[in-house]
C-alpha atoms as a PDB file:
ATOM      1  CA  MET A   1     -21.004  -8.209 -19.530  1.00  0.00           C
ATOM      2  CA  ILE A   2     -19.341  -4.803 -19.877  1.00  0.00           C
ATOM      3  CA  ASP A   3     -20.139  -3.773 -16.300  1.00  0.00           C
ATOM      4  CA  ALA A   4     -18.852  -7.107 -14.988  1.00  0.00           C
ATOM      5  CA  TYR A   5     -15.454  -6.843 -16.696  1.00  0.00           C
ATOM      6  CA  TYR A   6     -14.618  -3.127 -16.541  1.00  0.00           C
ATOM      7  CA  GLU A   7     -13.996  -0.886 -13.539  1.00  0.00           C
ATOM      8  CA  LYS A   8     -16.236   2.178 -13.314  1.00  0.00           C
ATOM      9  CA  ASN A   9     -13.554   4.557 -14.648  1.00  0.00           C
ATOM     10  CA  ALA A  10     -11.791   2.123 -16.978  1.00  0.00           C
ATOM     11  CA  VAL A  11     -10.200   3.444 -20.157  1.00  0.00           C
ATOM     12  CA  ILE A  12     -10.173   1.725 -23.551  1.00  0.00           C
ATOM     13  CA  ALA A  13      -8.163   2.484 -26.680  1.00  0.00           C
ATOM     14  CA  GLU A  14     -11.002   2.869 -29.175  1.00  0.00           C
ATOM     15  CA  SER A  15      -8.571   3.311 -32.043  1.00  0.00           C
ATOM     16  CA  PRO A  16      -4.986   4.590 -32.320  1.00  0.00           C
ATOM     17  CA  GLY A  17      -4.864   7.930 -30.500  1.00  0.00           C
ATOM     18  CA  LYS A  18      -8.515   7.817 -29.367  1.00  0.00           C
ATOM     19  CA  THR A  19      -9.691   6.639 -25.955  1.00  0.00           C
ATOM     20  CA  ALA A  20     -13.011   6.245 -24.189  1.00  0.00           C
ATOM     21  CA  GLN A  21     -13.493   6.248 -20.440  1.00  0.00           C
ATOM     22  CA  GLY A  22     -16.267   5.829 -17.917  1.00  0.00           C
ATOM     23  CA  ALA A  23     -19.697   6.421 -19.443  1.00  0.00           C
ATOM     24  CA  THR A  24     -18.372   6.554 -23.032  1.00  0.00           C
ATOM     25  CA  LEU A  25     -16.726   3.136 -22.724  1.00  0.00           C
ATOM     26  CA  LYS A  26     -19.998   1.309 -23.459  1.00  0.00           C
ATOM     27  CA  SER A  27     -20.556   3.261 -26.670  1.00  0.00           C
ATOM     28  CA  ALA A  28     -16.961   2.515 -27.738  1.00  0.00           C
ATOM     29  CA  LEU A  29     -17.679  -1.218 -27.434  1.00  0.00           C
ATOM     30  CA  GLU A  30     -21.074  -1.082 -29.138  1.00  0.00           C
ATOM     31  CA  PRO A  31     -19.717  -1.903 -32.642  1.00  0.00           C
ATOM     32  CA  TYR A  32     -18.440  -5.262 -31.343  1.00  0.00           C
ATOM     33  CA  PHE A  33     -21.784  -6.165 -29.775  1.00  0.00           C
ATOM     34  CA  ALA A  34     -23.762  -4.858 -32.767  1.00  0.00           C
ATOM     35  CA  LEU A  35     -22.300  -7.714 -34.816  1.00  0.00           C
ATOM     36  CA  ASN A  36     -24.522 -10.090 -32.787  1.00  0.00           C
ATOM     37  CA  GLY A  37     -21.786 -12.671 -32.959  1.00  0.00           C
ATOM     38  CA  LYS A  38     -20.119 -15.110 -30.644  1.00  0.00           C
ATOM     39  CA  ILE A  39     -17.320 -13.513 -28.621  1.00  0.00           C
ATOM     40  CA  SER A  40     -14.439 -15.738 -27.566  1.00  0.00           C
ATOM     41  CA  GLY A  41     -11.062 -15.188 -25.999  1.00  0.00           C
ATOM     42  CA  ALA A  42      -7.940 -16.960 -24.838  1.00  0.00           C
ATOM     43  CA  THR A  43      -5.261 -15.738 -22.467  1.00  0.00           C
ATOM     44  CA  ARG A  44      -1.838 -15.655 -24.112  1.00  0.00           C
ATOM     45  CA  HIS A  45       0.243 -14.292 -21.196  1.00  0.00           C
ATOM     46  CA  THR A  46      -0.394 -13.146 -17.636  1.00  0.00           C
ATOM     47  CA  LEU A  47       1.954 -11.159 -15.397  1.00  0.00           C
ATOM     48  CA  ILE A  48       0.684 -10.607 -11.839  1.00  0.00           C
ATOM     49  CA  ASN A  49       2.030  -8.323  -9.101  1.00  0.00           C
ATOM     50  CA  GLU A  50      -0.160  -8.561  -5.998  1.00  0.00           C
ATOM     51  CA  ASP A  51      -3.543  -7.100  -7.002  1.00  0.00           C
ATOM     52  CA  ILE A  52      -2.517  -5.705 -10.426  1.00  0.00           C
ATOM     53  CA  ALA A  53      -2.008  -7.846 -13.521  1.00  0.00           C
ATOM     54  CA  LEU A  54      -1.173  -7.502 -17.191  1.00  0.00           C
ATOM     55  CA  PHE A  55      -3.183  -9.809 -19.465  1.00  0.00           C
ATOM     56  CA  ILE A  56      -2.379 -10.423 -23.118  1.00  0.00           C
ATOM     57  CA  LEU A  57      -5.537 -11.871 -24.689  1.00  0.00           C
ATOM     58  CA  ASP A  58      -6.395 -13.149 -28.143  1.00  0.00           C
ATOM     59  CA  TRP A  59     -10.051 -12.385 -28.876  1.00  0.00           C
ATOM     60  CA  ALA A  60     -12.467 -12.952 -31.725  1.00  0.00           C
ATOM     61  CA  VAL A  61     -16.028 -12.174 -32.733  1.00  0.00           C
ATOM     62  CA  ASP A  62     -17.506 -14.727 -35.148  1.00  0.00           C
ATOM     63  CA  TYR A  63     -20.564 -13.286 -36.871  1.00  0.00           C
ATOM     64  CA  THR A  64     -22.613 -13.298 -40.064  1.00  0.00           C
ATOM     65  CA  ASP A  65     -21.975 -10.359 -42.398  1.00  0.00           C
ATOM     66  CA  GLU A  66     -24.643  -8.341 -44.231  1.00  0.00           C
ATOM     67  CA  LYS A  67     -24.517 -10.793 -47.167  1.00  0.00           C
ATOM     68  CA  GLY A  68     -25.113 -13.803 -44.913  1.00  0.00           C
ATOM     69  CA  ASN A  69     -21.531 -15.044 -45.031  1.00  0.00           C
ATOM     70  CA  PRO A  70     -19.552 -16.179 -41.977  1.00  0.00           C
ATOM     71  CA  ALA A  71     -17.064 -13.522 -40.876  1.00  0.00           C
ATOM     72  CA  LYS A  72     -14.559 -12.972 -38.099  1.00  0.00           C
ATOM     73  CA  TYR A  73     -13.198  -9.868 -36.404  1.00  0.00           C
ATOM     74  CA  SER A  74     -10.239 -10.580 -34.129  1.00  0.00           C
ATOM     75  CA  GLY A  75      -7.218  -9.137 -32.409  1.00  0.00           C
ATOM     76  CA  THR A  76      -4.842  -9.323 -29.487  1.00  0.00           C
ATOM     77  CA  SER A  77      -5.551  -7.154 -26.481  1.00  0.00           C
ATOM     78  CA  THR A  78      -3.344  -5.849 -23.705  1.00  0.00           C
ATOM     79  CA  ASP A  79      -5.375  -5.374 -20.519  1.00  0.00           C
ATOM     80  CA  VAL A  80      -4.337  -4.064 -17.118  1.00  0.00           C
ATOM     81  CA  VAL A  81      -6.621  -5.513 -14.456  1.00  0.00           C
ATOM     82  CA  ARG A  82      -7.019  -5.045 -10.719  1.00  0.00           C
ATOM     83  CA  LYS A  83      -8.211  -7.584  -8.166  1.00  0.00           C
ATOM     84  CA  GLY A  84     -11.037  -6.168  -6.088  1.00  0.00           C
ATOM     85  CA  ALA A  85     -11.755  -6.766  -2.402  1.00  0.00           C
ATOM     86  CA  ASP A  86     -14.305  -9.369  -3.561  1.00  0.00           C
ATOM     87  CA  GLY A  87     -11.540 -11.334  -5.341  1.00  0.00           C
ATOM     88  CA  ILE A  88     -12.827 -10.509  -8.826  1.00  0.00           C
ATOM     89  CA  TRP A  89     -10.430  -9.116 -11.441  1.00  0.00           C
ATOM     90  CA  CYS A  90     -11.741  -6.053 -13.325  1.00  0.00           C
ATOM     91  CA  CYS A  91     -10.174  -4.242 -16.245  1.00  0.00           C
ATOM     92  CA  MET A  92      -8.851  -0.726 -15.678  1.00  0.00           C
ATOM     93  CA  ILE A  93      -7.003  -0.260 -19.018  1.00  0.00           C
ATOM     94  CA  ASP A  94      -7.922  -2.065 -22.254  1.00  0.00           C
ATOM     95  CA  ASN A  95      -6.022  -1.830 -25.530  1.00  0.00           C
ATOM     96  CA  PRO A  96      -7.873  -4.303 -27.787  1.00  0.00           C
ATOM     97  CA  HIS A  97      -5.878  -3.324 -30.876  1.00  0.00           C
ATOM     98  CA  ASN A  98      -2.423  -3.630 -29.353  1.00  0.00           C
ATOM     99  CA  ILE A  99      -0.857  -6.282 -31.581  1.00  0.00           C
ATOM    100  CA  LYS A 100      -1.552  -6.377 -35.319  1.00  0.00           C
END
């Protein structure tokens, strides 16, 4: 899933002031996947200029916490994506904590 969405040298805002890029991007996303939850998302806004676009996405991870209770981790992400020669959009910049 990560390789399908992100460009090879994509950058992600791990937390305010801290970024991960390239090979470290997967480890930055590991906490989300470690929840073993259901990941969902919905596009809020899209602004496209030729093969570059700005996506504003609401996302959520529904999971079960360590006490067995339902829990949710969610946010609104700002992503800059590029359309490849194959017609597939891939993320080059991801700020998953943009809007709080």
